[in-house]
Amino acid sequence: MADISVRFQPTPNPNAGKFTVNRPVLEGPASKSFYSADQAASEPVASALFSVAGVAELFMVDDFITVTKQPDAAWDRLVPEVISAIERSMT
């Protein structure tokens, strides 16, 4: 399988960022939202993302994840940590 590639894009919401992956992050056409680490416990990628300090909510569908950060978290610190968590959890 090819290496995982993750690309970050800002969104109009300064507290949300879109992380596009070069493969599906979920099986099937449905989307999933997670609002806590407990909700995400059965989904490996979501669980890994909630281990990153500053992650508040997740929306996952097809080949992207929208990460909503806590207002006091900084994207310049979060982006590399989120990308690393996605890569680790999908290998």
PDB file of N, CA and C in Angstrom:
ATOM      1  N   MET A   1       0.836  -1.182   0.000  1.00  0.00           N
ATOM      2  CA  MET A   1       0.000   0.000   0.000  1.00  0.00           C
ATOM      3  C   MET A   1       0.883   1.248   0.000  1.00  0.00           C
ATOM      4  N   ALA A   2       0.457   2.286  -0.679  1.00  0.00           N
ATOM      5  CA  ALA A   2       1.235   3.518  -0.793  1.00  0.00           C
ATOM      6  C   ALA A   2       1.360   4.206   0.563  1.00  0.00           C
ATOM      7  N   ASP A   3       2.374   5.045   0.657  1.00  0.00           N
ATOM      8  CA  ASP A   3       2.548   5.833   1.872  1.00  0.00           C
ATOM      9  C   ASP A   3       1.335   6.736   2.087  1.00  0.00           C
ATOM     10  N   ILE A   4       1.100   7.034   3.337  1.00  0.00           N
ATOM     11  CA  ILE A   4      -0.014   7.921   3.676  1.00  0.00           C
ATOM     12  C   ILE A   4       0.439   9.366   3.478  1.00  0.00           C
ATOM     13  N   SER A   5      -0.415  10.132   2.821  1.00  0.00           N
ATOM     14  CA  SER A   5      -0.159  11.547   2.608  1.00  0.00           C
ATOM     15  C   SER A   5      -1.322  12.328   3.216  1.00  0.00           C
ATOM     16  N   VAL A   6      -0.998  13.328   4.023  1.00  0.00           N
ATOM     17  CA  VAL A   6      -2.017  14.143   4.694  1.00  0.00           C
ATOM     18  C   VAL A   6      -1.739  15.604   4.368  1.00  0.00           C
ATOM     19  N   ARG A   7      -2.787  16.320   3.941  1.00  0.00           N
ATOM     20  CA  ARG A   7      -2.655  17.732   3.587  1.00  0.00           C
ATOM     21  C   ARG A   7      -3.604  18.553   4.464  1.00  0.00           C
ATOM     22  N   PHE A   8      -3.106  19.634   5.040  1.00  0.00           N
ATOM     23  CA  PHE A   8      -3.909  20.517   5.883  1.00  0.00           C
ATOM     24  C   PHE A   8      -4.419  21.695   5.072  1.00  0.00           C
ATOM     25  N   GLN A   9      -5.688  22.055   5.291  1.00  0.00           N
ATOM     26  CA  GLN A   9      -6.274  23.255   4.695  1.00  0.00           C
ATOM     27  C   GLN A   9      -7.039  23.999   5.789  1.00  0.00           C
ATOM     28  N   PRO A  10      -6.814  25.297   5.913  1.00  0.00           N
ATOM     29  CA  PRO A  10      -7.645  26.071   6.843  1.00  0.00           C
ATOM     30  C   PRO A  10      -9.075  26.136   6.322  1.00  0.00           C
ATOM     31  N   THR A  11     -10.003  26.452   7.194  1.00  0.00           N
ATOM     32  CA  THR A  11     -11.407  26.598   6.825  1.00  0.00           C
ATOM     33  C   THR A  11     -11.857  28.003   7.235  1.00  0.00           C
ATOM     34  N   PRO A  12     -13.051  28.415   6.826  1.00  0.00           N
ATOM     35  CA  PRO A  12     -13.542  29.729   7.268  1.00  0.00           C
ATOM     36  C   PRO A  12     -13.655  29.854   8.795  1.00  0.00           C
ATOM     37  N   ASN A  13     -13.835  28.725   9.470  1.00  0.00           N
ATOM     38  CA  ASN A  13     -13.882  28.727  10.934  1.00  0.00           C
ATOM     39  C   ASN A  13     -12.445  28.668  11.453  1.00  0.00           C
ATOM     40  N   PRO A  14     -11.970  29.696  12.161  1.00  0.00           N
ATOM     41  CA  PRO A  14     -10.576  29.683  12.617  1.00  0.00           C
ATOM     42  C   PRO A  14     -10.255  28.560  13.600  1.00  0.00           C
ATOM     43  N   ASN A  15     -11.266  27.932  14.172  1.00  0.00           N
ATOM     44  CA  ASN A  15     -11.033  26.827  15.100  1.00  0.00           C
ATOM     45  C   ASN A  15     -11.162  25.457  14.438  1.00  0.00           C
ATOM     46  N   ALA A  16     -11.396  25.406  13.120  1.00  0.00           N
ATOM     47  CA  ALA A  16     -11.536  24.130  12.419  1.00  0.00           C
ATOM     48  C   ALA A  16     -10.565  24.067  11.255  1.00  0.00           C
ATOM     49  N   GLY A  17      -9.982  22.897  11.052  1.00  0.00           N
ATOM     50  CA  GLY A  17      -9.074  22.674   9.936  1.00  0.00           C
ATOM     51  C   GLY A  17      -9.410  21.363   9.247  1.00  0.00           C
ATOM     52  N   LYS A  18      -9.196  21.322   7.946  1.00  0.00           N
ATOM     53  CA  LYS A  18      -9.498  20.132   7.152  1.00  0.00           C
ATOM     54  C   LYS A  18      -8.196  19.399   6.841  1.00  0.00           C
ATOM     55  N   PHE A  19      -8.168  18.114   7.154  1.00  0.00           N
ATOM     56  CA  PHE A  19      -7.020  17.263   6.889  1.00  0.00           C
ATOM     57  C   PHE A  19      -7.445  16.215   5.858  1.00  0.00           C
ATOM     58  N   THR A  20      -6.934  16.347   4.631  1.00  0.00           N
ATOM     59  CA  THR A  20      -7.288  15.438   3.549  1.00  0.00           C
ATOM     60  C   THR A  20      -6.220  14.353   3.463  1.00  0.00           C
ATOM     61  N   VAL A  21      -6.683  13.103   3.382  1.00  0.00           N
ATOM     62  CA  VAL A  21      -5.801  11.936   3.367  1.00  0.00           C
ATOM     63  C   VAL A  21      -5.908  11.270   1.992  1.00  0.00           C
ATOM     64  N   ASN A  22      -4.836  10.662   1.528  1.00  0.00           N
ATOM     65  CA  ASN A  22      -4.847  10.038   0.208  1.00  0.00           C
ATOM     66  C   ASN A  22      -5.454   8.637   0.208  1.00  0.00           C
ATOM     67  N   ARG A  23      -6.237   8.334   1.212  1.00  0.00           N
ATOM     68  CA  ARG A  23      -7.000   7.078   1.267  1.00  0.00           C
ATOM     69  C   ARG A  23      -8.192   7.282   2.192  1.00  0.00           C
ATOM     70  N   PRO A  24      -9.182   6.406   2.129  1.00  0.00           N
ATOM     71  CA  PRO A  24     -10.371   6.586   2.980  1.00  0.00           C
ATOM     72  C   PRO A  24     -10.018   6.528   4.469  1.00  0.00           C
ATOM     73  N   VAL A  25     -10.618   7.419   5.223  1.00  0.00           N
ATOM     74  CA  VAL A  25     -10.442   7.403   6.676  1.00  0.00           C
ATOM     75  C   VAL A  25     -11.562   6.621   7.346  1.00  0.00           C
ATOM     76  N   LEU A  26     -12.657   6.399   6.621  1.00  0.00           N
ATOM     77  CA  LEU A  26     -13.788   5.596   7.100  1.00  0.00           C
ATOM     78  C   LEU A  26     -14.238   4.667   5.990  1.00  0.00           C
ATOM     79  N   GLU A  27     -14.735   3.520   6.365  1.00  0.00           N
ATOM     80  CA  GLU A  27     -15.331   2.609   5.393  1.00  0.00           C
ATOM     81  C   GLU A  27     -16.765   3.032   5.127  1.00  0.00           C
ATOM     82  N   GLY A  28     -17.166   3.021   3.875  1.00  0.00           N
ATOM     83  CA  GLY A  28     -18.553   3.313   3.529  1.00  0.00           C
ATOM     84  C   GLY A  28     -18.821   4.789   3.354  1.00  0.00           C
ATOM     85  N   PRO A  29     -20.034   5.125   2.936  1.00  0.00           N
ATOM     86  CA  PRO A  29     -20.367   6.511   2.598  1.00  0.00           C
ATOM     87  C   PRO A  29     -20.782   7.389   3.784  1.00  0.00           C
ATOM     88  N   ALA A  30     -21.010   6.791   4.925  1.00  0.00           N
ATOM     89  CA  ALA A  30     -21.504   7.564   6.069  1.00  0.00           C
ATOM     90  C   ALA A  30     -20.389   8.408   6.674  1.00  0.00           C
ATOM     91  N   SER A  31     -20.794   9.477   7.350  1.00  0.00           N
ATOM     92  CA  SER A  31     -19.852  10.310   8.095  1.00  0.00           C
ATOM     93  C   SER A  31     -20.006  10.005   9.580  1.00  0.00           C
ATOM     94  N   LYS A  32     -18.997  10.389  10.340  1.00  0.00           N
ATOM     95  CA  LYS A  32     -19.056  10.223  11.795  1.00  0.00           C
ATOM     96  C   LYS A  32     -18.529  11.487  12.447  1.00  0.00           C
ATOM     97  N   SER A  33     -19.171  11.866  13.533  1.00  0.00           N
ATOM     98  CA  SER A  33     -18.705  12.978  14.354  1.00  0.00           C
ATOM     99  C   SER A  33     -18.375  12.444  15.738  1.00  0.00           C
ATOM    100  N   PHE A  34     -17.328  12.994  16.326  1.00  0.00           N
ATOM    101  CA  PHE A  34     -16.902  12.593  17.662  1.00  0.00           C
ATOM    102  C   PHE A  34     -16.703  13.857  18.491  1.00  0.00           C
ATOM    103  N   TYR A  35     -17.238  13.824  19.710  1.00  0.00           N
ATOM    104  CA  TYR A  35     -17.165  14.993  20.582  1.00  0.00           C
ATOM    105  C   TYR A  35     -16.358  14.731  21.851  1.00  0.00           C
ATOM    106  N   SER A  36     -15.811  13.513  21.972  1.00  0.00           N
ATOM    107  CA  SER A  36     -15.000  13.183  23.149  1.00  0.00           C
ATOM    108  C   SER A  36     -14.142  11.959  22.842  1.00  0.00           C
ATOM    109  N   ALA A  37     -13.107  11.786  23.639  1.00  0.00           N
ATOM    110  CA  ALA A  37     -12.246  10.611  23.487  1.00  0.00           C
ATOM    111  C   ALA A  37     -13.032   9.334  23.752  1.00  0.00           C
ATOM    112  N   ASP A  38     -13.983   9.379  24.684  1.00  0.00           N
ATOM    113  CA  ASP A  38     -14.791   8.187  24.968  1.00  0.00           C
ATOM    114  C   ASP A  38     -15.597   7.770  23.749  1.00  0.00           C
ATOM    115  N   GLN A  39     -16.210   8.725  23.055  1.00  0.00           N
ATOM    116  CA  GLN A  39     -16.967   8.413  21.839  1.00  0.00           C
ATOM    117  C   GLN A  39     -16.062   7.826  20.764  1.00  0.00           C
ATOM    118  N   ALA A  40     -14.822   8.258  20.718  1.00  0.00           N
ATOM    119  CA  ALA A  40     -13.897   7.862  19.660  1.00  0.00           C
ATOM    120  C   ALA A  40     -13.142   6.579  19.962  1.00  0.00           C
ATOM    121  N   ALA A  41     -13.361   5.989  21.114  1.00  0.00           N
ATOM    122  CA  ALA A  41     -12.543   4.857  21.564  1.00  0.00           C
ATOM    123  C   ALA A  41     -12.526   3.687  20.589  1.00  0.00           C
ATOM    124  N   SER A  42     -13.616   3.431  19.856  1.00  0.00           N
ATOM    125  CA  SER A  42     -13.669   2.268  18.968  1.00  0.00           C
ATOM    126  C   SER A  42     -13.174   2.570  17.551  1.00  0.00           C
ATOM    127  N   GLU A  43     -12.812   3.800  17.273  1.00  0.00           N
ATOM    128  CA  GLU A  43     -12.344   4.206  15.943  1.00  0.00           C
ATOM    129  C   GLU A  43     -10.867   4.607  16.060  1.00  0.00           C
ATOM    130  N   PRO A  44      -9.929   3.794  15.540  1.00  0.00           N
ATOM    131  CA  PRO A  44      -8.500   4.042  15.776  1.00  0.00           C
ATOM    132  C   PRO A  44      -8.003   5.436  15.399  1.00  0.00           C
ATOM    133  N   VAL A  45      -8.409   5.942  14.249  1.00  0.00           N
ATOM    134  CA  VAL A  45      -7.922   7.263  13.830  1.00  0.00           C
ATOM    135  C   VAL A  45      -8.464   8.341  14.769  1.00  0.00           C
ATOM    136  N   ALA A  46      -9.751   8.296  15.066  1.00  0.00           N
ATOM    137  CA  ALA A  46     -10.359   9.287  15.958  1.00  0.00           C
ATOM    138  C   ALA A  46      -9.749   9.207  17.357  1.00  0.00           C
ATOM    139  N   SER A  47      -9.542   8.007  17.834  1.00  0.00           N
ATOM    140  CA  SER A  47      -8.942   7.825  19.153  1.00  0.00           C
ATOM    141  C   SER A  47      -7.541   8.440  19.198  1.00  0.00           C
ATOM    142  N   ALA A  48      -6.758   8.211  18.156  1.00  0.00           N
ATOM    143  CA  ALA A  48      -5.404   8.784  18.097  1.00  0.00           C
ATOM    144  C   ALA A  48      -5.458  10.303  18.080  1.00  0.00           C
ATOM    145  N   LEU A  49      -6.436  10.865  17.376  1.00  0.00           N
ATOM    146  CA  LEU A  49      -6.526  12.321  17.298  1.00  0.00           C
ATOM    147  C   LEU A  49      -6.915  12.942  18.627  1.00  0.00           C
ATOM    148  N   PHE A  50      -7.754  12.269  19.399  1.00  0.00           N
ATOM    149  CA  PHE A  50      -8.116  12.819  20.711  1.00  0.00           C
ATOM    150  C   PHE A  50      -6.961  12.741  21.706  1.00  0.00           C
ATOM    151  N   SER A  51      -5.906  11.997  21.377  1.00  0.00           N
ATOM    152  CA  SER A  51      -4.736  11.979  22.255  1.00  0.00           C
ATOM    153  C   SER A  51      -3.870  13.224  22.051  1.00  0.00           C
ATOM    154  N   VAL A  52      -4.165  14.005  21.001  1.00  0.00           N
ATOM    155  CA  VAL A  52      -3.442  15.253  20.746  1.00  0.00           C
ATOM    156  C   VAL A  52      -4.077  16.364  21.584  1.00  0.00           C
ATOM    157  N   ALA A  53      -3.282  16.970  22.448  1.00  0.00           N
ATOM    158  CA  ALA A  53      -3.791  18.056  23.294  1.00  0.00           C
ATOM    159  C   ALA A  53      -4.288  19.195  22.425  1.00  0.00           C
ATOM    160  N   GLY A  54      -5.499  19.669  22.701  1.00  0.00           N
ATOM    161  CA  GLY A  54      -6.075  20.782  21.971  1.00  0.00           C
ATOM    162  C   GLY A  54      -7.162  20.381  20.995  1.00  0.00           C
ATOM    163  N   VAL A  55      -7.299  19.076  20.707  1.00  0.00           N
ATOM    164  CA  VAL A  55      -8.362  18.618  19.813  1.00  0.00           C
ATOM    165  C   VAL A  55      -9.668  18.578  20.602  1.00  0.00           C
ATOM    166  N   ALA A  56     -10.722  19.212  20.056  1.00  0.00           N
ATOM    167  CA  ALA A  56     -12.010  19.291  20.749  1.00  0.00           C
ATOM    168  C   ALA A  56     -13.075  18.414  20.106  1.00  0.00           C
ATOM    169  N   GLU A  57     -13.147  18.395  18.764  1.00  0.00           N
ATOM    170  CA  GLU A  57     -14.174  17.633  18.040  1.00  0.00           C
ATOM    171  C   GLU A  57     -13.608  17.158  16.719  1.00  0.00           C
ATOM    172  N   LEU A  58     -14.231  16.097  16.178  1.00  0.00           N
ATOM    173  CA  LEU A  58     -13.827  15.558  14.880  1.00  0.00           C
ATOM    174  C   LEU A  58     -15.047  15.287  14.021  1.00  0.00           C
ATOM    175  N   PHE A  59     -14.904  15.518  12.731  1.00  0.00           N
ATOM    176  CA  PHE A  59     -15.897  15.111  11.742  1.00  0.00           C
ATOM    177  C   PHE A  59     -15.125  14.349  10.675  1.00  0.00           C
ATOM    178  N   MET A  60     -15.516  13.099  10.439  1.00  0.00           N
ATOM    179  CA  MET A  60     -14.798  12.249   9.493  1.00  0.00           C
ATOM    180  C   MET A  60     -15.752  11.766   8.410  1.00  0.00           C
ATOM    181  N   VAL A  61     -15.288  11.820   7.160  1.00  0.00           N
ATOM    182  CA  VAL A  61     -16.061  11.290   6.039  1.00  0.00           C
ATOM    183  C   VAL A  61     -15.091  11.019   4.892  1.00  0.00           C
ATOM    184  N   ASP A  62     -15.336   9.971   4.171  1.00  0.00           N
ATOM    185  CA  ASP A  62     -14.565   9.621   2.981  1.00  0.00           C
ATOM    186  C   ASP A  62     -13.065   9.748   3.225  1.00  0.00           C
ATOM    187  N   ASP A  63     -12.429  10.765   2.616  1.00  0.00           N
ATOM    188  CA  ASP A  63     -10.976  10.881   2.701  1.00  0.00           C
ATOM    189  C   ASP A  63     -10.508  12.127   3.447  1.00  0.00           C
ATOM    190  N   PHE A  64     -11.369  12.664   4.316  1.00  0.00           N
ATOM    191  CA  PHE A  64     -10.901  13.818   5.094  1.00  0.00           C
ATOM    192  C   PHE A  64     -11.479  13.827   6.499  1.00  0.00           C
ATOM    193  N   ILE A  65     -10.780  14.588   7.334  1.00  0.00           N
ATOM    194  CA  ILE A  65     -11.159  14.762   8.731  1.00  0.00           C
ATOM    195  C   ILE A  65     -11.147  16.260   9.016  1.00  0.00           C
ATOM    196  N   THR A  66     -12.243  16.764   9.543  1.00  0.00           N
ATOM    197  CA  THR A  66     -12.252  18.138  10.027  1.00  0.00           C
ATOM    198  C   THR A  66     -12.000  18.080  11.526  1.00  0.00           C
ATOM    199  N   VAL A  67     -10.947  18.739  11.944  1.00  0.00           N
ATOM    200  CA  VAL A  67     -10.575  18.806  13.353  1.00  0.00           C
ATOM    201  C   VAL A  67     -10.960  20.178  13.876  1.00  0.00           C
ATOM    202  N   THR A  68     -11.759  20.196  14.927  1.00  0.00           N
ATOM    203  CA  THR A  68     -12.062  21.441  15.622  1.00  0.00           C
ATOM    204  C   THR A  68     -11.183  21.487  16.861  1.00  0.00           C
ATOM    205  N   LYS A  69     -10.452  22.579  16.985  1.00  0.00           N
ATOM    206  CA  LYS A  69      -9.520  22.714  18.106  1.00  0.00           C
ATOM    207  C   LYS A  69     -10.148  23.515  19.234  1.00  0.00           C
ATOM    208  N   GLN A  70      -9.577  23.368  20.404  1.00  0.00           N
ATOM    209  CA  GLN A  70      -9.969  24.221  21.514  1.00  0.00           C
ATOM    210  C   GLN A  70      -9.493  25.635  21.198  1.00  0.00           C
ATOM    211  N   PRO A  71     -10.243  26.659  21.601  1.00  0.00           N
ATOM    212  CA  PRO A  71      -9.917  28.037  21.208  1.00  0.00           C
ATOM    213  C   PRO A  71      -8.500  28.485  21.570  1.00  0.00           C
ATOM    214  N   ASP A  72      -7.943  27.956  22.649  1.00  0.00           N
ATOM    215  CA  ASP A  72      -6.605  28.404  23.056  1.00  0.00           C
ATOM    216  C   ASP A  72      -5.474  27.592  22.426  1.00  0.00           C
ATOM    217  N   ALA A  73      -5.791  26.585  21.613  1.00  0.00           N
ATOM    218  CA  ALA A  73      -4.764  25.787  20.943  1.00  0.00           C
ATOM    219  C   ALA A  73      -4.314  26.502  19.667  1.00  0.00           C
ATOM    220  N   ALA A  74      -3.044  26.332  19.317  1.00  0.00           N
ATOM    221  CA  ALA A  74      -2.473  27.009  18.137  1.00  0.00           C
ATOM    222  C   ALA A  74      -2.287  26.015  16.995  1.00  0.00           C
ATOM    223  N   TRP A  75      -2.722  26.402  15.798  1.00  0.00           N
ATOM    224  CA  TRP A  75      -2.595  25.512  14.630  1.00  0.00           C
ATOM    225  C   TRP A  75      -1.148  25.179  14.318  1.00  0.00           C
ATOM    226  N   ASP A  76      -0.223  26.120  14.515  1.00  0.00           N
ATOM    227  CA  ASP A  76       1.164  25.819  14.164  1.00  0.00           C
ATOM    228  C   ASP A  76       1.743  24.685  15.008  1.00  0.00           C
ATOM    229  N   ARG A  77       1.205  24.449  16.185  1.00  0.00           N
ATOM    230  CA  ARG A  77       1.614  23.292  16.992  1.00  0.00           C
ATOM    231  C   ARG A  77       0.756  22.080  16.665  1.00  0.00           C
ATOM    232  N   LEU A  78      -0.535  22.315  16.465  1.00  0.00           N
ATOM    233  CA  LEU A  78      -1.465  21.199  16.249  1.00  0.00           C
ATOM    234  C   LEU A  78      -1.282  20.481  14.915  1.00  0.00           C
ATOM    235  N   VAL A  79      -1.075  21.223  13.831  1.00  0.00           N
ATOM    236  CA  VAL A  79      -1.038  20.607  12.501  1.00  0.00           C
ATOM    237  C   VAL A  79      -0.040  19.452  12.429  1.00  0.00           C
ATOM    238  N   PRO A  80       1.244  19.640  12.802  1.00  0.00           N
ATOM    239  CA  PRO A  80       2.165  18.495  12.701  1.00  0.00           C
ATOM    240  C   PRO A  80       1.788  17.341  13.622  1.00  0.00           C
ATOM    241  N   GLU A  81       1.229  17.631  14.790  1.00  0.00           N
ATOM    242  CA  GLU A  81       0.830  16.564  15.708  1.00  0.00           C
ATOM    243  C   GLU A  81      -0.369  15.794  15.170  1.00  0.00           C
ATOM    244  N   VAL A  82      -1.330  16.499  14.581  1.00  0.00           N
ATOM    245  CA  VAL A  82      -2.506  15.838  14.006  1.00  0.00           C
ATOM    246  C   VAL A  82      -2.084  14.979  12.817  1.00  0.00           C
ATOM    247  N   ILE A  83      -1.246  15.519  11.944  1.00  0.00           N
ATOM    248  CA  ILE A  83      -0.774  14.739  10.795  1.00  0.00           C
ATOM    249  C   ILE A  83      -0.046  13.487  11.265  1.00  0.00           C
ATOM    250  N   SER A  84       0.804  13.615  12.245  1.00  0.00           N
ATOM    251  CA  SER A  84       1.532  12.459  12.780  1.00  0.00           C
ATOM    252  C   SER A  84       0.574  11.418  13.360  1.00  0.00           C
ATOM    253  N   ALA A  85      -0.445  11.858  14.095  1.00  0.00           N
ATOM    254  CA  ALA A  85      -1.419  10.925  14.687  1.00  0.00           C
ATOM    255  C   ALA A  85      -2.192  10.194  13.597  1.00  0.00           C
ATOM    256  N   ILE A  86      -2.574  10.894  12.525  1.00  0.00           N
ATOM    257  CA  ILE A  86      -3.281  10.253  11.418  1.00  0.00           C
ATOM    258  C   ILE A  86      -2.387   9.199  10.770  1.00  0.00           C
ATOM    259  N   GLU A  87      -1.153   9.587  10.474  1.00  0.00           N
ATOM    260  CA  GLU A  87      -0.223   8.660   9.819  1.00  0.00           C
ATOM    261  C   GLU A  87       0.017   7.418  10.673  1.00  0.00           C
ATOM    262  N   ARG A  88       0.260   7.605  11.953  1.00  0.00           N
ATOM    263  CA  ARG A  88       0.518   6.463  12.854  1.00  0.00           C
ATOM    264  C   ARG A  88      -0.676   5.536  12.944  1.00  0.00           C
ATOM    265  N   SER A  89      -1.869   6.101  13.004  1.00  0.00           N
ATOM    266  CA  SER A  89      -3.072   5.272  13.231  1.00  0.00           C
ATOM    267  C   SER A  89      -3.557   4.572  11.963  1.00  0.00           C
ATOM    268  N   MET A  90      -3.039   4.968  10.789  1.00  0.00           N
ATOM    269  CA  MET A  90      -3.498   4.363   9.531  1.00  0.00           C
ATOM    270  C   MET A  90      -2.457   3.441   8.923  1.00  0.00           C
ATOM    271  N   THR A  91      -1.371   3.151   9.642  1.00  0.00           N
ATOM    272  CA  THR A  91      -0.351   2.244   9.078  1.00  0.00           C
ATOM    273  C   THR A  91      -0.537   0.846   9.598  1.00  0.00           C
TER     274      THR A  91
END
